Amino acid sequence: TTRVLTADGVISLIGCCLGNPFINAVYIGH
């Protein structure tokens, strides 16, 4: 769980720093 959530935060931060205004998330549907 910790790796999944922190990864979402880190990846969202990278996207944000490049200009993406949308958050990354683990999806429903596995």
Full PDB file with SEQRES, HELIX, SHEET, SSBOND, CRYST1, ORIGX, SCALE, CONECT and MASTER records, all heavy atoms in Angstrom:
SEQRES   1 A   30  THR THR ARG VAL LEU THR ALA ASP GLY VAL ILE SER LEU          
SEQRES   2 A   30  ILE GLY CYS CYS LEU GLY ASN PRO PHE ILE ASN ALA VAL          
SEQRES   3 A   30  TYR ILE GLY HIS                                              
HELIX    1 AA1 THR A    2  CYS A   17  1                                  16    
CRYST1    1.000    1.000    1.000  90.00  90.00  90.00 P 1           1          
ORIGX1      1.000000  0.000000  0.000000        0.00000                         
ORIGX2      0.000000  1.000000  0.000000        0.00000                         
ORIGX3      0.000000  0.000000  1.000000        0.00000                         
SCALE1      1.000000  0.000000  0.000000        0.00000                         
SCALE2      0.000000  1.000000  0.000000        0.00000                         
SCALE3      0.000000  0.000000  1.000000        0.00000                         
ATOM      1  N   THR A   1       0.817  -1.214   0.000  1.00  0.00           N  
ATOM      2  CA  THR A   1       0.000   0.000   0.000  1.00  0.00           C  
ATOM      3  C   THR A   1       0.852   1.265   0.000  1.00  0.00           C  
ATOM      4  O   THR A   1       0.575   2.205  -0.749  1.00  0.00           O  
ATOM      5  CB  THR A   1      -0.929   0.001   1.226  1.00  0.00           C  
ATOM      6  OG1 THR A   1      -1.668  -1.222   1.256  1.00  0.00           O  
ATOM      7  CG2 THR A   1      -1.893   1.166   1.164  1.00  0.00           C  
ATOM      8  N   THR A   2       1.880   1.298   0.847  1.00  0.00           N  
ATOM      9  CA  THR A   2       2.701   2.501   0.949  1.00  0.00           C  
ATOM     10  C   THR A   2       3.380   2.818  -0.378  1.00  0.00           C  
ATOM     11  O   THR A   2       3.424   3.976  -0.816  1.00  0.00           O  
ATOM     12  CB  THR A   2       3.757   2.335   2.054  1.00  0.00           C  
ATOM     13  OG1 THR A   2       3.084   2.141   3.299  1.00  0.00           O  
ATOM     14  CG2 THR A   2       4.644   3.571   2.152  1.00  0.00           C  
ATOM     15  N   ARG A   3       3.901   1.811  -1.051  1.00  0.00           N  
ATOM     16  CA  ARG A   3       4.570   2.039  -2.337  1.00  0.00           C  
ATOM     17  C   ARG A   3       3.602   2.568  -3.392  1.00  0.00           C  
ATOM     18  O   ARG A   3       3.953   3.423  -4.202  1.00  0.00           O  
ATOM     19  CB  ARG A   3       5.201   0.748  -2.835  1.00  0.00           C  
ATOM     20  CG  ARG A   3       6.486   0.377  -2.119  1.00  0.00           C  
ATOM     21  CD  ARG A   3       7.208  -0.729  -2.860  1.00  0.00           C  
ATOM     22  NE  ARG A   3       8.473  -1.071  -2.227  1.00  0.00           N  
ATOM     23  CZ  ARG A   3       9.348  -1.928  -2.740  1.00  0.00           C  
ATOM     24  NH1 ARG A   3       9.080  -2.536  -3.887  1.00  0.00           N  
ATOM     25  NH2 ARG A   3      10.473  -2.179  -2.115  1.00  0.00           N  
ATOM     26  N   VAL A   4       2.395   2.052  -3.368  1.00  0.00           N  
ATOM     27  CA  VAL A   4       1.399   2.486  -4.356  1.00  0.00           C  
ATOM     28  C   VAL A   4       1.065   3.963  -4.148  1.00  0.00           C  
ATOM     29  O   VAL A   4       1.069   4.764  -5.099  1.00  0.00           O  
ATOM     30  CB  VAL A   4       0.131   1.622  -4.256  1.00  0.00           C  
ATOM     31  CG1 VAL A   4      -1.004   2.222  -5.080  1.00  0.00           C  
ATOM     32  CG2 VAL A   4       0.419   0.200  -4.717  1.00  0.00           C  
ATOM     33  N   LEU A   5       0.781   4.340  -2.911  1.00  0.00           N  
ATOM     34  CA  LEU A   5       0.357   5.710  -2.642  1.00  0.00           C  
ATOM     35  C   LEU A   5       1.487   6.715  -2.827  1.00  0.00           C  
ATOM     36  O   LEU A   5       1.282   7.792  -3.393  1.00  0.00           O  
ATOM     37  CB  LEU A   5      -0.208   5.805  -1.224  1.00  0.00           C  
ATOM     38  CG  LEU A   5      -1.541   5.083  -1.031  1.00  0.00           C  
ATOM     39  CD1 LEU A   5      -1.909   5.028   0.433  1.00  0.00           C  
ATOM     40  CD2 LEU A   5      -2.651   5.778  -1.809  1.00  0.00           C  
ATOM     41  N   THR A   6       2.678   6.382  -2.342  1.00  0.00           N  
ATOM     42  CA  THR A   6       3.789   7.319  -2.519  1.00  0.00           C  
ATOM     43  C   THR A   6       4.168   7.435  -3.994  1.00  0.00           C  
ATOM     44  O   THR A   6       4.541   8.519  -4.459  1.00  0.00           O  
ATOM     45  CB  THR A   6       5.009   6.866  -1.704  1.00  0.00           C  
ATOM     46  OG1 THR A   6       5.311   5.496  -1.993  1.00  0.00           O  
ATOM     47  CG2 THR A   6       4.746   7.012  -0.213  1.00  0.00           C  
ATOM     48  N   ALA A   7       4.036   6.342  -4.743  1.00  0.00           N  
ATOM     49  CA  ALA A   7       4.318   6.399  -6.181  1.00  0.00           C  
ATOM     50  C   ALA A   7       3.344   7.322  -6.885  1.00  0.00           C  
ATOM     51  O   ALA A   7       3.737   8.115  -7.759  1.00  0.00           O  
ATOM     52  CB  ALA A   7       4.248   4.998  -6.791  1.00  0.00           C  
ATOM     53  N   ASP A   8       2.059   7.254  -6.534  1.00  0.00           N  
ATOM     54  CA  ASP A   8       1.077   8.169  -7.116  1.00  0.00           C  
ATOM     55  C   ASP A   8       1.476   9.625  -6.861  1.00  0.00           C  
ATOM     56  O   ASP A   8       1.375  10.481  -7.749  1.00  0.00           O  
ATOM     57  CB  ASP A   8      -0.307   7.907  -6.516  1.00  0.00           C  
ATOM     58  CG  ASP A   8      -1.061   6.813  -7.257  1.00  0.00           C  
ATOM     59  OD1 ASP A   8      -0.576   6.376  -8.316  1.00  0.00           O  
ATOM     60  OD2 ASP A   8      -2.124   6.399  -6.776  1.00  0.00           O  
ATOM     61  N   GLY A   9       1.936   9.894  -5.625  1.00  0.00           N  
ATOM     62  CA  GLY A   9       2.336  11.261  -5.301  1.00  0.00           C  
ATOM     63  C   GLY A   9       3.567  11.707  -6.074  1.00  0.00           C  
ATOM     64  O   GLY A   9       3.599  12.808  -6.622  1.00  0.00           O  
ATOM     65  N   VAL A  10       4.587  10.853  -6.132  1.00  0.00           N  
ATOM     66  CA  VAL A  10       5.828  11.204  -6.832  1.00  0.00           C  
ATOM     67  C   VAL A  10       5.582  11.388  -8.331  1.00  0.00           C  
ATOM     68  O   VAL A  10       6.043  12.354  -8.946  1.00  0.00           O  
ATOM     69  CB  VAL A  10       6.904  10.125  -6.590  1.00  0.00           C  
ATOM     70  CG1 VAL A  10       8.110  10.365  -7.486  1.00  0.00           C  
ATOM     71  CG2 VAL A  10       7.328  10.121  -5.125  1.00  0.00           C  
ATOM     72  N   ILE A  11       4.834  10.464  -8.926  1.00  0.00           N  
ATOM     73  CA  ILE A  11       4.563  10.537 -10.373  1.00  0.00           C  
ATOM     74  C   ILE A  11       3.710  11.753 -10.706  1.00  0.00           C  
ATOM     75  O   ILE A  11       3.935  12.428 -11.718  1.00  0.00           O  
ATOM     76  CB  ILE A  11       3.903   9.223 -10.847  1.00  0.00           C  
ATOM     77  CG1 ILE A  11       4.902   8.068 -10.760  1.00  0.00           C  
ATOM     78  CG2 ILE A  11       3.385   9.358 -12.275  1.00  0.00           C  
ATOM     79  CD1 ILE A  11       4.288   6.699 -10.941  1.00  0.00           C  
ATOM     80  N   SER A  12       2.722  12.058  -9.857  1.00  0.00           N  
ATOM     81  CA  SER A  12       1.913  13.262 -10.066  1.00  0.00           C  
ATOM     82  C   SER A  12       2.770  14.522  -9.986  1.00  0.00           C  
ATOM     83  O   SER A  12       2.582  15.468 -10.754  1.00  0.00           O  
ATOM     84  CB  SER A  12       0.783  13.331  -9.024  1.00  0.00           C  
ATOM     85  OG  SER A  12      -0.120  12.262  -9.185  1.00  0.00           O  
ATOM     86  N   LEU A  13       3.723  14.518  -9.048  1.00  0.00           N  
ATOM     87  CA  LEU A  13       4.608  15.670  -8.884  1.00  0.00           C  
ATOM     88  C   LEU A  13       5.483  15.863 -10.119  1.00  0.00           C  
ATOM     89  O   LEU A  13       5.682  17.000 -10.585  1.00  0.00           O  
ATOM     90  CB  LEU A  13       5.473  15.480  -7.640  1.00  0.00           C  
ATOM     91  CG  LEU A  13       6.404  16.637  -7.268  1.00  0.00           C  
ATOM     92  CD1 LEU A  13       5.596  17.888  -6.959  1.00  0.00           C  
ATOM     93  CD2 LEU A  13       7.272  16.259  -6.071  1.00  0.00           C  
ATOM     94  N   ILE A  14       5.997  14.762 -10.688  1.00  0.00           N  
ATOM     95  CA  ILE A  14       6.806  14.863 -11.905  1.00  0.00           C  
ATOM     96  C   ILE A  14       5.973  15.427 -13.050  1.00  0.00           C  
ATOM     97  O   ILE A  14       6.410  16.339 -13.772  1.00  0.00           O  
ATOM     98  CB  ILE A  14       7.376  13.472 -12.281  1.00  0.00           C  
ATOM     99  CG1 ILE A  14       8.396  13.023 -11.228  1.00  0.00           C  
ATOM    100  CG2 ILE A  14       8.027  13.517 -13.665  1.00  0.00           C  
ATOM    101  CD1 ILE A  14       8.849  11.584 -11.403  1.00  0.00           C  
ATOM    102  N   GLY A  15       4.749  14.897 -13.216  1.00  0.00           N  
ATOM    103  CA  GLY A  15       3.874  15.409 -14.267  1.00  0.00           C  
ATOM    104  C   GLY A  15       3.546  16.865 -14.080  1.00  0.00           C  
ATOM    105  O   GLY A  15       3.537  17.656 -15.040  1.00  0.00           O  
ATOM    106  N   CYS A  16       3.305  17.261 -12.838  1.00  0.00           N  
ATOM    107  CA  CYS A  16       3.003  18.660 -12.521  1.00  0.00           C  
ATOM    108  C   CYS A  16       4.179  19.567 -12.873  1.00  0.00           C  
ATOM    109  O   CYS A  16       3.998  20.641 -13.458  1.00  0.00           O  
ATOM    110  CB  CYS A  16       2.662  18.753 -11.040  1.00  0.00           C  
ATOM    111  SG  CYS A  16       2.679  20.411 -10.360  1.00  0.00           S  
ATOM    112  N   CYS A  17       5.383  19.156 -12.537  1.00  0.00           N  
ATOM    113  CA  CYS A  17       6.570  19.973 -12.816  1.00  0.00           C  
ATOM    114  C   CYS A  17       6.846  20.120 -14.311  1.00  0.00           C  
ATOM    115  O   CYS A  17       7.603  21.004 -14.714  1.00  0.00           O  
ATOM    116  CB  CYS A  17       7.785  19.368 -12.123  1.00  0.00           C  
ATOM    117  SG  CYS A  17       7.733  19.493 -10.317  1.00  0.00           S  
ATOM    118  N   LEU A  18       6.224  19.266 -15.127  1.00  0.00           N  
ATOM    119  CA  LEU A  18       6.366  19.372 -16.585  1.00  0.00           C  
ATOM    120  C   LEU A  18       5.183  20.081 -17.232  1.00  0.00           C  
ATOM    121  O   LEU A  18       5.197  20.314 -18.448  1.00  0.00           O  
ATOM    122  CB  LEU A  18       6.531  17.977 -17.196  1.00  0.00           C  
ATOM    123  CG  LEU A  18       7.815  17.226 -16.820  1.00  0.00           C  
ATOM    124  CD1 LEU A  18       7.787  15.809 -17.383  1.00  0.00           C  
ATOM    125  CD2 LEU A  18       9.046  17.982 -17.315  1.00  0.00           C  
ATOM    126  N   GLY A  19       4.150  20.405 -16.421  1.00  0.00           N  
ATOM    127  CA  GLY A  19       3.033  21.176 -16.968  1.00  0.00           C  
ATOM    128  C   GLY A  19       1.692  20.479 -17.007  1.00  0.00           C  
ATOM    129  O   GLY A  19       0.739  21.002 -17.607  1.00  0.00           O  
ATOM    130  N   ASN A  20       1.559  19.313 -16.345  1.00  0.00           N  
ATOM    131  CA  ASN A  20       0.291  18.583 -16.347  1.00  0.00           C  
ATOM    132  C   ASN A  20      -0.556  18.948 -15.115  1.00  0.00           C  
ATOM    133  O   ASN A  20      -0.123  18.707 -13.990  1.00  0.00           O  
ATOM    134  CB  ASN A  20       0.555  17.074 -16.350  1.00  0.00           C  
ATOM    135  CG  ASN A  20      -0.691  16.282 -16.060  1.00  0.00           C  
ATOM    136  OD1 ASN A  20      -1.704  16.407 -16.742  1.00  0.00           O  
ATOM    137  ND2 ASN A  20      -0.643  15.460 -15.009  1.00  0.00           N  
ATOM    138  N   PRO A  21      -1.767  19.504 -15.287  1.00  0.00           N  
ATOM    139  CA  PRO A  21      -2.583  19.925 -14.141  1.00  0.00           C  
ATOM    140  C   PRO A  21      -3.569  18.867 -13.663  1.00  0.00           C  
ATOM    141  O   PRO A  21      -4.601  19.205 -13.075  1.00  0.00           O  
ATOM    142  CB  PRO A  21      -3.328  21.139 -14.703  1.00  0.00           C  
ATOM    143  CG  PRO A  21      -3.558  20.775 -16.132  1.00  0.00           C  
ATOM    144  CD  PRO A  21      -2.358  19.962 -16.554  1.00  0.00           C  
ATOM    145  N   PHE A  22      -3.273  17.601 -13.928  1.00  0.00           N  
ATOM    146  CA  PHE A  22      -4.182  16.522 -13.530  1.00  0.00           C  
ATOM    147  C   PHE A  22      -3.426  15.485 -12.705  1.00  0.00           C  
ATOM    148  O   PHE A  22      -2.323  15.084 -13.055  1.00  0.00           O  
ATOM    149  CB  PHE A  22      -4.805  15.856 -14.767  1.00  0.00           C  
ATOM    150  CG  PHE A  22      -5.559  16.817 -15.644  1.00  0.00           C  
ATOM    151  CD1 PHE A  22      -4.997  17.262 -16.835  1.00  0.00           C  
ATOM    152  CD2 PHE A  22      -6.798  17.293 -15.275  1.00  0.00           C  
ATOM    153  CE1 PHE A  22      -5.671  18.153 -17.652  1.00  0.00           C  
ATOM    154  CE2 PHE A  22      -7.486  18.187 -16.084  1.00  0.00           C  
ATOM    155  CZ  PHE A  22      -6.925  18.621 -17.273  1.00  0.00           C  
ATOM    156  N   ILE A  23      -4.059  15.031 -11.616  1.00  0.00           N  
ATOM    157  CA  ILE A  23      -3.410  14.117 -10.681  1.00  0.00           C  
ATOM    158  C   ILE A  23      -3.404  12.697 -11.238  1.00  0.00           C  
ATOM    159  O   ILE A  23      -4.304  12.301 -11.981  1.00  0.00           O  
ATOM    160  CB  ILE A  23      -4.131  14.145  -9.309  1.00  0.00           C  
ATOM    161  CG1 ILE A  23      -3.238  13.637  -8.176  1.00  0.00           C  
ATOM    162  CG2 ILE A  23      -5.427  13.372  -9.360  1.00  0.00           C  
ATOM    163  CD1 ILE A  23      -2.346  14.666  -7.591  1.00  0.00           C  
ATOM    164  N   ASN A  24      -2.388  11.928 -10.886  1.00  0.00           N  
ATOM    165  CA  ASN A  24      -2.339  10.511 -11.253  1.00  0.00           C  
ATOM    166  C   ASN A  24      -2.956   9.681 -10.132  1.00  0.00           C  
ATOM    167  O   ASN A  24      -2.852  10.037  -8.957  1.00  0.00           O  
ATOM    168  CB  ASN A  24      -0.887  10.069 -11.461  1.00  0.00           C  
ATOM    169  CG  ASN A  24      -0.774   8.653 -11.965  1.00  0.00           C  
ATOM    170  OD1 ASN A  24      -1.079   8.377 -13.119  1.00  0.00           O  
ATOM    171  ND2 ASN A  24      -0.348   7.732 -11.105  1.00  0.00           N  
ATOM    172  N   ALA A  25      -3.610   8.577 -10.505  1.00  0.00           N  
ATOM    173  CA  ALA A  25      -4.262   7.740  -9.497  1.00  0.00           C  
ATOM    174  C   ALA A  25      -4.318   6.299  -9.968  1.00  0.00           C  
ATOM    175  O   ALA A  25      -4.381   6.025 -11.170  1.00  0.00           O  
ATOM    176  CB  ALA A  25      -5.680   8.248  -9.221  1.00  0.00           C  
ATOM    177  N   VAL A  26      -4.284   5.381  -8.991  1.00  0.00           N  
ATOM    178  CA  VAL A  26      -4.586   3.983  -9.285  1.00  0.00           C  
ATOM    179  C   VAL A  26      -6.070   3.902  -9.615  1.00  0.00           C  
ATOM    180  O   VAL A  26      -6.907   4.459  -8.906  1.00  0.00           O  
ATOM    181  CB  VAL A  26      -4.251   3.079  -8.082  1.00  0.00           C  
ATOM    182  CG1 VAL A  26      -4.755   1.661  -8.322  1.00  0.00           C  
ATOM    183  CG2 VAL A  26      -2.765   3.063  -7.847  1.00  0.00           C  
ATOM    184  N   TYR A  27      -6.389   3.222 -10.701  1.00  0.00           N  
ATOM    185  CA  TYR A  27      -7.767   3.184 -11.179  1.00  0.00           C  
ATOM    186  C   TYR A  27      -8.584   2.071 -10.530  1.00  0.00           C  
ATOM    187  O   TYR A  27      -8.061   1.024 -10.128  1.00  0.00           O  
ATOM    188  CB  TYR A  27      -7.796   2.947 -12.691  1.00  0.00           C  
ATOM    189  CG  TYR A  27      -7.699   4.194 -13.533  1.00  0.00           C  
ATOM    190  CD1 TYR A  27      -7.712   4.101 -14.922  1.00  0.00           C  
ATOM    191  CD2 TYR A  27      -7.603   5.457 -12.967  1.00  0.00           C  
ATOM    192  CE1 TYR A  27      -7.625   5.227 -15.722  1.00  0.00           C  
ATOM    193  CE2 TYR A  27      -7.518   6.586 -13.748  1.00  0.00           C  
ATOM    194  CZ  TYR A  27      -7.517   6.471 -15.125  1.00  0.00           C  
ATOM    195  OH  TYR A  27      -7.435   7.588 -15.910  1.00  0.00           O  
ATOM    196  N   ILE A  28      -9.875   2.296 -10.496  1.00  0.00           N  
ATOM    197  CA  ILE A  28     -10.837   1.221 -10.310  1.00  0.00           C  
ATOM    198  C   ILE A  28     -10.674   0.247 -11.482  1.00  0.00           C  
ATOM    199  O   ILE A  28     -10.400   0.663 -12.600  1.00  0.00           O  
ATOM    200  CB  ILE A  28     -12.273   1.804 -10.319  1.00  0.00           C  
ATOM    201  CG1 ILE A  28     -12.573   2.532  -9.016  1.00  0.00           C  
ATOM    202  CG2 ILE A  28     -13.314   0.731 -10.570  1.00  0.00           C  
ATOM    203  CD1 ILE A  28     -13.917   3.208  -9.001  1.00  0.00           C  
ATOM    204  N   GLY A  29     -10.853  -1.029 -11.253  1.00  0.00           N  
ATOM    205  CA  GLY A  29     -10.948  -1.943 -12.389  1.00  0.00           C  
ATOM    206  C   GLY A  29      -9.957  -3.081 -12.448  1.00  0.00           C  
ATOM    207  O   GLY A  29     -10.021  -3.889 -13.374  1.00  0.00           O  
ATOM    208  N   HIS A  30      -9.034  -3.190 -11.472  1.00  0.00           N  
ATOM    209  CA  HIS A  30      -8.062  -4.286 -11.517  1.00  0.00           C  
ATOM    210  C   HIS A  30      -8.713  -5.658 -11.711  1.00  0.00           C  
ATOM    211  O   HIS A  30      -8.271  -6.437 -12.568  1.00  0.00           O  
ATOM    212  CB  HIS A  30      -7.203  -4.265 -10.242  1.00  0.00           C  
ATOM    213  CG  HIS A  30      -6.333  -5.465 -10.072  1.00  0.00           C  
ATOM    214  ND1 HIS A  30      -6.801  -6.650  -9.521  1.00  0.00           N  
ATOM    215  CD2 HIS A  30      -5.032  -5.703 -10.383  1.00  0.00           C  
ATOM    216  CE1 HIS A  30      -5.841  -7.539  -9.502  1.00  0.00           C  
ATOM    217  NE2 HIS A  30      -4.751  -6.996 -10.013  1.00  0.00           N  
TER     218      HIS A  30                                                      
MASTER        0    0    0    1    0    0    0    6  217    1    0    3          
END                                                                             
